[in-house]
């Protein structure tokens, strides 16, 4: 089974509880699945950051009077729908791969090689307030991922690298 412990927020969650849940939520081992619905009034920004504030990834939705787009770090795509309309995001993180599916119409994949020194937290900006949020810890797809277990609290050394030799 890939999914582990789950965190859930919805319209019935009190604002104080929602804030506390988001502040204490951590993504460990760079492996998680997130599903969230947002109703951006203007521009929406979600940052995945380490506890020290190191930015791992920024997911943003920007709108103007004629169009809107979704961006992961520097990778962007048009996002169909009227500016200000709800956005449904499915986000998958496994090591250095971050995939975002928006409104079942747009998908983006980014490779991120700057591994954080601690588990990731969610930071919503521009008064972004998710209408709903589900986060599942995930079992990494393999134990030999590109980034290894870089965010494990027990990790004390740098990841090892294997030398691949060419056949003679």
N, C-alpha and C. Protein backbone atom coordinates (compact mmCIF):
# COMPACT_ATOMS: atom_id res chain seq x y z
N UNK A 1 0.85 -1.17 0.00
CA UNK A 1 0.00 0.00 0.00
C UNK A 1 0.90 1.24 0.00
N UNK A 2 0.63 2.16 -0.91
CA UNK A 2 1.43 3.37 -1.00
C UNK A 2 1.02 4.43 0.01
N UNK A 3 -0.28 4.61 0.24
CA UNK A 3 -0.74 5.67 1.14
C UNK A 3 -0.54 5.29 2.60
N UNK A 4 -0.12 6.29 3.38
CA UNK A 4 0.05 6.11 4.81
C UNK A 4 -0.94 6.99 5.55
N UNK A 5 -0.48 7.61 6.63
CA UNK A 5 -1.33 8.45 7.47
C UNK A 5 -1.92 9.61 6.66
N UNK A 6 -3.15 9.98 7.00
CA UNK A 6 -3.86 11.02 6.26
C UNK A 6 -4.19 12.21 7.16
N UNK A 7 -4.25 13.38 6.53
CA UNK A 7 -4.70 14.61 7.18
C UNK A 7 -5.83 15.18 6.34
N UNK A 8 -6.91 15.63 7.00
CA UNK A 8 -8.08 16.10 6.26
C UNK A 8 -8.58 17.43 6.82
N UNK A 9 -8.87 18.35 5.91
CA UNK A 9 -9.49 19.64 6.25
C UNK A 9 -10.62 19.84 5.26
N UNK A 10 -11.77 20.32 5.75
CA UNK A 10 -12.87 20.65 4.84
C UNK A 10 -13.61 21.87 5.36
N UNK A 11 -14.75 22.17 4.76
CA UNK A 11 -15.50 23.38 5.13
C UNK A 11 -16.02 23.33 6.56
N UNK A 12 -16.08 22.15 7.16
CA UNK A 12 -16.55 22.01 8.54
C UNK A 12 -15.44 22.23 9.57
N UNK A 13 -14.19 22.28 9.10
CA UNK A 13 -13.06 22.49 10.00
C UNK A 13 -13.03 23.95 10.44
N UNK A 14 -12.99 24.18 11.74
CA UNK A 14 -12.96 25.55 12.26
C UNK A 14 -11.68 26.25 11.83
N UNK A 15 -11.73 27.56 11.55
CA UNK A 15 -10.54 28.29 11.07
C UNK A 15 -9.32 28.12 11.96
N UNK A 16 -9.50 28.17 13.30
CA UNK A 16 -8.37 28.00 14.20
C UNK A 16 -7.75 26.61 14.03
N UNK A 17 -8.61 25.59 13.95
CA UNK A 17 -8.12 24.22 13.78
C UNK A 17 -7.43 24.05 12.43
N UNK A 18 -8.00 24.65 11.39
CA UNK A 18 -7.41 24.56 10.05
C UNK A 18 -6.00 25.14 10.06
N UNK A 19 -5.86 26.31 10.66
CA UNK A 19 -4.55 26.96 10.73
C UNK A 19 -3.55 26.10 11.48
N UNK A 20 -3.96 25.54 12.59
CA UNK A 20 -3.07 24.70 13.41
C UNK A 20 -2.67 23.42 12.66
N UNK A 21 -3.62 22.80 11.98
CA UNK A 21 -3.32 21.58 11.21
C UNK A 21 -2.30 21.89 10.13
N UNK A 22 -2.50 22.97 9.39
CA UNK A 22 -1.57 23.33 8.31
C UNK A 22 -0.20 23.67 8.87
N UNK A 23 -0.14 24.39 9.99
CA UNK A 23 1.15 24.77 10.58
C UNK A 23 1.94 23.56 11.08
N UNK A 24 1.27 22.53 11.53
CA UNK A 24 1.98 21.38 12.09
C UNK A 24 2.18 20.23 11.09
N UNK A 25 1.55 20.32 9.94
CA UNK A 25 1.66 19.27 8.93
C UNK A 25 3.08 19.24 8.34
N UNK A 26 3.66 18.05 8.21
CA UNK A 26 4.98 17.89 7.61
C UNK A 26 4.96 16.75 6.60
N UNK A 27 5.69 16.95 5.51
CA UNK A 27 5.86 15.92 4.48
C UNK A 27 7.26 15.37 4.66
N UNK A 28 7.33 14.11 4.99
CA UNK A 28 8.62 13.47 5.26
C UNK A 28 9.05 12.62 4.07
N UNK A 29 10.35 12.47 3.93
CA UNK A 29 10.95 11.64 2.88
C UNK A 29 10.55 12.05 1.47
N UNK A 30 10.15 13.30 1.29
CA UNK A 30 9.77 13.80 -0.04
C UNK A 30 8.80 12.86 -0.73
N UNK A 31 7.81 12.38 0.01
CA UNK A 31 6.83 11.45 -0.56
C UNK A 31 5.46 11.76 0.02
N UNK A 32 4.55 12.27 -0.84
CA UNK A 32 3.21 12.60 -0.38
C UNK A 32 2.26 12.74 -1.57
N UNK A 33 0.99 12.61 -1.25
CA UNK A 33 -0.08 12.93 -2.19
C UNK A 33 -0.94 13.99 -1.53
N UNK A 34 -1.26 15.04 -2.27
CA UNK A 34 -2.10 16.11 -1.75
C UNK A 34 -3.27 16.32 -2.71
N UNK A 35 -4.41 16.57 -2.16
CA UNK A 35 -5.57 16.96 -2.96
C UNK A 35 -6.15 18.19 -2.28
N UNK A 36 -6.28 19.28 -3.03
CA UNK A 36 -6.85 20.47 -2.43
C UNK A 36 -7.72 21.20 -3.43
N UNK A 37 -8.71 21.89 -2.87
CA UNK A 37 -9.57 22.75 -3.66
C UNK A 37 -9.40 24.16 -3.13
N UNK A 38 -9.15 25.07 -4.05
CA UNK A 38 -8.98 26.47 -3.67
C UNK A 38 -9.94 27.32 -4.50
N UNK A 39 -10.31 28.44 -3.92
CA UNK A 39 -11.16 29.42 -4.59
C UNK A 39 -10.38 30.73 -4.62
N UNK A 40 -9.42 30.83 -5.55
CA UNK A 40 -8.55 32.02 -5.53
C UNK A 40 -9.31 33.28 -5.94
N UNK A 41 -9.22 34.28 -5.10
CA UNK A 41 -9.83 35.57 -5.43
C UNK A 41 -8.95 36.30 -6.43
N UNK A 42 -7.67 36.12 -6.27
CA UNK A 42 -6.71 36.80 -7.12
C UNK A 42 -5.67 35.76 -7.52
N UNK A 43 -4.46 35.91 -7.06
CA UNK A 43 -3.41 34.94 -7.35
C UNK A 43 -3.23 34.03 -6.14
N UNK A 44 -2.91 32.78 -6.42
CA UNK A 44 -2.78 31.75 -5.39
C UNK A 44 -1.34 31.26 -5.38
N UNK A 45 -0.76 31.11 -4.18
CA UNK A 45 0.60 30.59 -4.06
C UNK A 45 0.65 29.58 -2.92
N UNK A 46 1.20 28.40 -3.24
CA UNK A 46 1.48 27.37 -2.25
C UNK A 46 2.96 27.05 -2.34
N UNK A 47 3.66 27.22 -1.23
CA UNK A 47 5.08 26.89 -1.20
C UNK A 47 5.28 25.62 -0.37
N UNK A 48 6.15 24.75 -0.87
CA UNK A 48 6.63 23.62 -0.08
C UNK A 48 8.00 24.04 0.42
N UNK A 49 8.12 24.21 1.74
CA UNK A 49 9.34 24.74 2.35
C UNK A 49 9.81 23.85 3.48
N UNK A 50 11.12 23.91 3.72
CA UNK A 50 11.67 23.24 4.90
C UNK A 50 11.33 24.06 6.13
N UNK A 51 11.54 23.49 7.31
CA UNK A 51 11.30 24.24 8.54
C UNK A 51 12.20 25.47 8.64
N UNK A 52 13.35 25.42 7.97
CA UNK A 52 14.27 26.56 7.99
C UNK A 52 13.88 27.62 6.96
N UNK A 53 12.80 27.38 6.22
CA UNK A 53 12.34 28.35 5.23
C UNK A 53 12.93 28.17 3.85
N UNK A 54 13.72 27.09 3.64
CA UNK A 54 14.26 26.81 2.31
C UNK A 54 13.11 26.46 1.38
N UNK A 55 13.06 27.11 0.25
CA UNK A 55 12.00 26.84 -0.70
C UNK A 55 12.33 25.60 -1.52
N UNK A 56 11.46 24.60 -1.51
CA UNK A 56 11.62 23.40 -2.33
C UNK A 56 10.86 23.58 -3.64
N UNK A 57 9.62 24.02 -3.55
CA UNK A 57 8.79 24.22 -4.74
C UNK A 57 7.75 25.29 -4.48
N UNK A 58 7.40 26.01 -5.53
CA UNK A 58 6.32 26.99 -5.47
C UNK A 58 5.31 26.63 -6.54
N UNK A 59 4.07 26.45 -6.12
CA UNK A 59 2.97 26.18 -7.05
C UNK A 59 2.09 27.42 -7.01
N UNK A 60 1.88 28.04 -8.16
CA UNK A 60 1.09 29.26 -8.18
C UNK A 60 0.07 29.24 -9.30
N UNK A 61 -1.00 29.96 -9.07
CA UNK A 61 -2.02 30.18 -10.08
C UNK A 61 -2.16 31.69 -10.20
N UNK A 62 -1.92 32.20 -11.41
CA UNK A 62 -2.02 33.63 -11.65
C UNK A 62 -3.11 33.88 -12.68
N UNK A 63 -3.82 34.97 -12.48
CA UNK A 63 -4.94 35.31 -13.36
C UNK A 63 -4.86 36.77 -13.75
N UNK A 64 -5.35 37.04 -14.94
CA UNK A 64 -5.62 38.42 -15.33
C UNK A 64 -7.02 38.41 -15.93
N UNK A 65 -7.42 39.47 -16.57
CA UNK A 65 -8.81 39.56 -17.04
C UNK A 65 -9.13 38.59 -18.18
N UNK A 66 -8.13 38.06 -18.85
CA UNK A 66 -8.40 37.19 -20.00
C UNK A 66 -7.93 35.75 -19.85
N UNK A 67 -7.02 35.48 -18.94
CA UNK A 67 -6.50 34.12 -18.84
C UNK A 67 -5.94 33.86 -17.44
N UNK A 68 -5.64 32.59 -17.20
CA UNK A 68 -4.92 32.24 -15.99
C UNK A 68 -3.96 31.12 -16.33
N UNK A 69 -2.94 30.96 -15.47
CA UNK A 69 -1.96 29.91 -15.70
C UNK A 69 -1.54 29.31 -14.37
N UNK A 70 -1.01 28.11 -14.46
CA UNK A 70 -0.47 27.42 -13.29
C UNK A 70 1.03 27.26 -13.51
N UNK A 71 1.79 27.43 -12.43
CA UNK A 71 3.25 27.36 -12.52
C UNK A 71 3.79 26.54 -11.36
N UNK A 72 4.76 25.67 -11.68
CA UNK A 72 5.58 25.01 -10.65
C UNK A 72 6.98 25.54 -10.86
N UNK A 73 7.50 26.27 -9.89
CA UNK A 73 8.80 26.93 -10.02
C UNK A 73 8.82 27.72 -11.33
N UNK A 74 9.55 27.28 -12.34
CA UNK A 74 9.61 28.03 -13.60
C UNK A 74 8.87 27.36 -14.75
N UNK A 75 8.18 26.25 -14.47
CA UNK A 75 7.43 25.53 -15.50
C UNK A 75 5.97 25.97 -15.43
N UNK A 76 5.44 26.47 -16.58
CA UNK A 76 4.08 27.03 -16.56
C UNK A 76 3.24 26.45 -17.70
N UNK A 77 1.92 26.50 -17.50
CA UNK A 77 0.97 26.06 -18.51
C UNK A 77 -0.32 26.84 -18.35
N UNK A 78 -1.06 27.05 -19.45
CA UNK A 78 -2.36 27.70 -19.34
C UNK A 78 -3.31 26.84 -18.52
N UNK A 79 -4.17 27.48 -17.76
CA UNK A 79 -5.16 26.77 -16.95
C UNK A 79 -6.55 27.21 -17.38
N UNK A 80 -7.29 26.34 -18.07
CA UNK A 80 -8.64 26.71 -18.51
C UNK A 80 -9.54 27.09 -17.34
N UNK A 81 -10.49 27.95 -17.62
CA UNK A 81 -11.45 28.38 -16.60
C UNK A 81 -11.39 29.87 -16.40
N UNK A 82 -12.47 30.40 -15.91
CA UNK A 82 -12.55 31.84 -15.67
C UNK A 82 -11.68 32.24 -14.48
N UNK A 83 -11.03 33.40 -14.57
CA UNK A 83 -10.28 33.88 -13.40
C UNK A 83 -11.18 33.92 -12.17
N UNK A 84 -10.67 33.43 -11.05
CA UNK A 84 -11.44 33.40 -9.81
C UNK A 84 -12.28 32.16 -9.60
N UNK A 85 -12.41 31.31 -10.64
CA UNK A 85 -13.20 30.09 -10.47
C UNK A 85 -12.41 29.07 -9.66
N UNK A 86 -13.10 28.11 -9.01
CA UNK A 86 -12.42 27.12 -8.17
C UNK A 86 -11.37 26.32 -8.95
N UNK A 87 -10.34 25.92 -8.23
CA UNK A 87 -9.28 25.11 -8.80
C UNK A 87 -9.11 23.87 -7.94
N UNK A 88 -9.12 22.71 -8.60
CA UNK A 88 -8.95 21.42 -7.93
C UNK A 88 -7.54 20.93 -8.28
N UNK A 89 -6.70 20.75 -7.26
CA UNK A 89 -5.32 20.32 -7.47
C UNK A 89 -5.06 18.96 -6.88
N UNK A 90 -4.46 18.08 -7.68
CA UNK A 90 -3.93 16.81 -7.19
C UNK A 90 -2.42 16.90 -7.36
N UNK A 91 -1.69 16.72 -6.27
CA UNK A 91 -0.24 16.89 -6.26
C UNK A 91 0.40 15.61 -5.77
N UNK A 92 1.41 15.15 -6.53
CA UNK A 92 2.14 13.94 -6.16
C UNK A 92 3.61 14.30 -6.07
N UNK A 93 4.22 13.96 -4.94
CA UNK A 93 5.65 14.21 -4.72
C UNK A 93 6.32 12.89 -4.39
N UNK A 94 7.34 12.55 -5.18
CA UNK A 94 8.15 11.37 -4.90
C UNK A 94 9.60 11.70 -5.25
N UNK A 95 10.37 12.00 -4.23
CA UNK A 95 11.77 12.35 -4.43
C UNK A 95 11.89 13.66 -5.16
N UNK A 96 12.56 13.63 -6.30
CA UNK A 96 12.79 14.85 -7.05
C UNK A 96 11.69 15.14 -8.07
N UNK A 97 10.64 14.33 -8.10
CA UNK A 97 9.56 14.52 -9.07
C UNK A 97 8.33 15.09 -8.37
N UNK A 98 7.84 16.22 -8.90
CA UNK A 98 6.62 16.85 -8.41
C UNK A 98 5.65 16.94 -9.58
N UNK A 99 4.49 16.29 -9.46
CA UNK A 99 3.47 16.32 -10.50
C UNK A 99 2.24 17.01 -9.97
N UNK A 100 1.68 17.90 -10.77
CA UNK A 100 0.48 18.63 -10.38
C UNK A 100 -0.55 18.48 -11.50
N UNK A 101 -1.75 18.07 -11.11
CA UNK A 101 -2.88 17.93 -12.03
C UNK A 101 -3.92 18.95 -11.58
N UNK A 102 -4.31 19.85 -12.48
CA UNK A 102 -5.24 20.93 -12.13
C UNK A 102 -6.53 20.79 -12.92
N UNK A 103 -7.64 20.75 -12.20
CA UNK A 103 -8.98 20.71 -12.79
C UNK A 103 -9.16 19.60 -13.82
N UNK A 104 -8.40 18.56 -13.70
CA UNK A 104 -8.49 17.42 -14.62
C UNK A 104 -8.29 17.82 -16.08
N UNK A 105 -7.67 18.98 -16.29
CA UNK A 105 -7.44 19.45 -17.66
C UNK A 105 -5.97 19.75 -17.93
N UNK A 106 -5.21 20.05 -16.90
CA UNK A 106 -3.83 20.51 -17.08
C UNK A 106 -2.93 19.73 -16.13
N UNK A 107 -1.77 19.32 -16.65
CA UNK A 107 -0.81 18.65 -15.78
C UNK A 107 0.58 19.21 -16.04
N UNK A 108 1.34 19.28 -14.97
CA UNK A 108 2.72 19.75 -15.03
C UNK A 108 3.59 18.80 -14.21
N UNK A 109 4.80 18.57 -14.70
CA UNK A 109 5.77 17.78 -13.96
C UNK A 109 7.05 18.57 -13.86
N UNK A 110 7.62 18.60 -12.68
CA UNK A 110 8.90 19.31 -12.48
C UNK A 110 9.86 18.38 -11.75
N UNK A 111 11.13 18.45 -12.14
CA UNK A 111 12.19 17.75 -11.41
C UNK A 111 12.87 18.79 -10.54
N UNK A 112 13.06 18.46 -9.28
CA UNK A 112 13.65 19.40 -8.32
C UNK A 112 14.80 18.68 -7.63
N UNK A 113 16.00 19.17 -7.85
CA UNK A 113 17.18 18.48 -7.33
C UNK A 113 17.74 19.08 -6.06
N UNK A 114 17.23 20.22 -5.63
CA UNK A 114 17.70 20.83 -4.38
C UNK A 114 16.92 20.22 -3.23
N UNK A 115 17.49 19.22 -2.62
CA UNK A 115 16.79 18.53 -1.53
C UNK A 115 16.85 19.35 -0.24
N UNK A 116 15.72 19.48 0.44
CA UNK A 116 15.70 20.23 1.69
C UNK A 116 16.40 19.46 2.81
N UNK A 117 16.78 20.18 3.84
CA UNK A 117 17.49 19.57 4.97
C UNK A 117 16.54 19.04 6.04
N UNK A 118 15.23 19.28 5.86
CA UNK A 118 14.25 18.81 6.85
C UNK A 118 12.94 18.52 6.12
N UNK A 119 11.99 17.93 6.81
CA UNK A 119 10.69 17.69 6.18
C UNK A 119 10.08 18.99 5.65
N UNK A 120 9.17 18.85 4.71
CA UNK A 120 8.53 20.01 4.11
C UNK A 120 7.25 20.38 4.83
N UNK A 121 6.94 21.66 4.80
CA UNK A 121 5.68 22.15 5.33
C UNK A 121 4.97 22.92 4.22
N UNK A 122 3.68 23.13 4.37
CA UNK A 122 2.90 23.88 3.40
C UNK A 122 2.80 25.32 3.86
N UNK A 123 3.04 26.25 2.94
CA UNK A 123 2.89 27.66 3.25
C UNK A 123 2.01 28.29 2.18
N UNK A 124 0.81 28.68 2.58
CA UNK A 124 -0.12 29.33 1.67
C UNK A 124 0.11 30.84 1.76
N UNK A 125 0.17 31.50 0.60
CA UNK A 125 0.40 32.94 0.56
C UNK A 125 -0.75 33.66 -0.13
N UNK A 126 -0.72 34.97 -0.06
CA UNK A 126 -1.74 35.83 -0.68
C UNK A 126 -3.14 35.51 -0.15
N UNK A 127 -3.26 35.31 1.14
CA UNK A 127 -4.53 34.98 1.78
C UNK A 127 -5.19 33.74 1.17
N UNK A 128 -4.38 32.85 0.60
CA UNK A 128 -4.92 31.61 0.05
C UNK A 128 -5.42 30.74 1.19
N UNK A 129 -6.61 30.27 1.06
CA UNK A 129 -7.22 29.45 2.10
C UNK A 129 -7.90 28.27 1.42
N UNK A 130 -7.33 27.07 1.56
CA UNK A 130 -7.93 25.93 0.87
C UNK A 130 -9.34 25.64 1.40
N UNK A 131 -10.27 25.42 0.46
CA UNK A 131 -11.62 25.02 0.85
C UNK A 131 -11.59 23.61 1.41
N UNK A 132 -10.73 22.78 0.83
CA UNK A 132 -10.52 21.43 1.36
C UNK A 132 -9.07 21.04 1.10
N UNK A 133 -8.57 20.16 1.94
CA UNK A 133 -7.19 19.70 1.83
C UNK A 133 -7.11 18.28 2.38
N UNK A 134 -6.57 17.39 1.58
CA UNK A 134 -6.27 16.03 2.02
C UNK A 134 -4.81 15.78 1.71
N UNK A 135 -4.07 15.29 2.69
CA UNK A 135 -2.66 14.98 2.51
C UNK A 135 -2.43 13.57 3.03
N UNK A 136 -1.77 12.76 2.21
CA UNK A 136 -1.42 11.41 2.61
C UNK A 136 0.09 11.26 2.58
N UNK A 137 0.65 10.72 3.65
CA UNK A 137 2.04 10.30 3.60
C UNK A 137 2.10 9.16 2.60
N UNK A 138 3.18 9.09 1.86
CA UNK A 138 3.31 8.04 0.85
C UNK A 138 4.56 7.20 1.14
N UNK A 139 4.46 5.96 0.78
CA UNK A 139 5.64 5.11 0.81
C UNK A 139 6.42 5.43 -0.45
N UNK A 140 7.70 5.77 -0.35
CA UNK A 140 8.46 6.08 -1.56
C UNK A 140 8.39 4.94 -2.56
N UNK A 141 8.39 5.29 -3.84
CA UNK A 141 8.24 4.29 -4.89
C UNK A 141 9.41 3.31 -4.90
N UNK A 142 10.58 3.75 -4.46
CA UNK A 142 11.71 2.82 -4.33
C UNK A 142 12.62 3.35 -3.23
N UNK A 143 13.46 2.47 -2.74
CA UNK A 143 14.40 2.90 -1.71
C UNK A 143 15.65 3.50 -2.33
N UNK A 144 15.78 3.41 -3.65
CA UNK A 144 16.95 3.92 -4.34
C UNK A 144 16.55 5.10 -5.23
N UNK A 145 15.76 6.01 -4.66
CA UNK A 145 15.34 7.18 -5.44
C UNK A 145 16.51 8.13 -5.58
N UNK A 146 16.38 9.05 -6.51
CA UNK A 146 17.44 9.99 -6.80
C UNK A 146 17.88 10.75 -5.55
N UNK A 147 16.93 11.11 -4.71
CA UNK A 147 17.25 11.91 -3.53
C UNK A 147 17.43 11.08 -2.27
N UNK A 148 17.14 9.79 -2.34
CA UNK A 148 17.27 8.96 -1.15
C UNK A 148 16.36 9.44 -0.05
N UNK A 149 16.72 9.15 1.17
CA UNK A 149 15.91 9.57 2.31
C UNK A 149 16.50 10.83 2.91
N UNK A 150 16.56 11.89 2.10
CA UNK A 150 17.24 13.11 2.53
C UNK A 150 16.53 13.85 3.64
N UNK A 151 15.25 13.63 3.78
CA UNK A 151 14.52 14.38 4.80
C UNK A 151 14.18 13.53 6.00
N UNK A 152 14.78 12.40 6.10
CA UNK A 152 14.53 11.54 7.25
C UNK A 152 15.22 12.14 8.46
N UNK A 153 14.53 12.18 9.61
CA UNK A 153 15.16 12.78 10.79
C UNK A 153 16.38 12.01 11.27
N UNK A 154 16.54 10.75 10.85
CA UNK A 154 17.68 9.96 11.32
C UNK A 154 18.87 10.04 10.37
N UNK A 155 18.71 10.66 9.21
CA UNK A 155 19.80 10.73 8.25
C UNK A 155 20.87 11.69 8.77
N UNK A 156 22.12 11.24 8.76
CA UNK A 156 23.19 12.10 9.24
C UNK A 156 24.30 12.27 8.22
N UNK A 157 24.28 11.50 7.13
CA UNK A 157 25.34 11.61 6.13
C UNK A 157 24.74 11.92 4.78
N UNK A 158 25.60 12.36 3.89
CA UNK A 158 25.17 12.66 2.53
C UNK A 158 24.84 11.36 1.81
N UNK A 159 23.99 11.42 0.79
CA UNK A 159 23.65 10.21 0.07
C UNK A 159 24.87 9.67 -0.66
N UNK A 160 24.92 8.35 -0.79
CA UNK A 160 26.04 7.74 -1.52
C UNK A 160 25.68 7.70 -2.99
N UNK A 161 26.68 7.71 -3.83
CA UNK A 161 26.47 7.64 -5.26
C UNK A 161 27.21 6.42 -5.79
N UNK A 162 26.57 5.69 -6.68
CA UNK A 162 27.21 4.52 -7.26
C UNK A 162 27.87 4.92 -8.56
N UNK A 163 29.04 4.40 -8.79
CA UNK A 163 29.72 4.63 -10.05
C UNK A 163 29.25 3.56 -11.02
N UNK A 164 28.81 3.98 -12.17
CA UNK A 164 28.33 3.05 -13.19
C UNK A 164 29.42 2.95 -14.23
N UNK A 165 29.94 1.77 -14.41
CA UNK A 165 31.00 1.60 -15.40
C UNK A 165 30.42 1.08 -16.69
N UNK A 166 31.04 1.46 -17.80
CA UNK A 166 30.61 1.00 -19.10
C UNK A 166 31.12 -0.40 -19.34
N UNK A 167 30.33 -1.22 -20.04
CA UNK A 167 30.81 -2.58 -20.33
C UNK A 167 32.04 -2.53 -21.23
N UNK A 168 32.93 -3.49 -21.05
CA UNK A 168 34.18 -3.54 -21.83
C UNK A 168 33.94 -3.95 -23.26
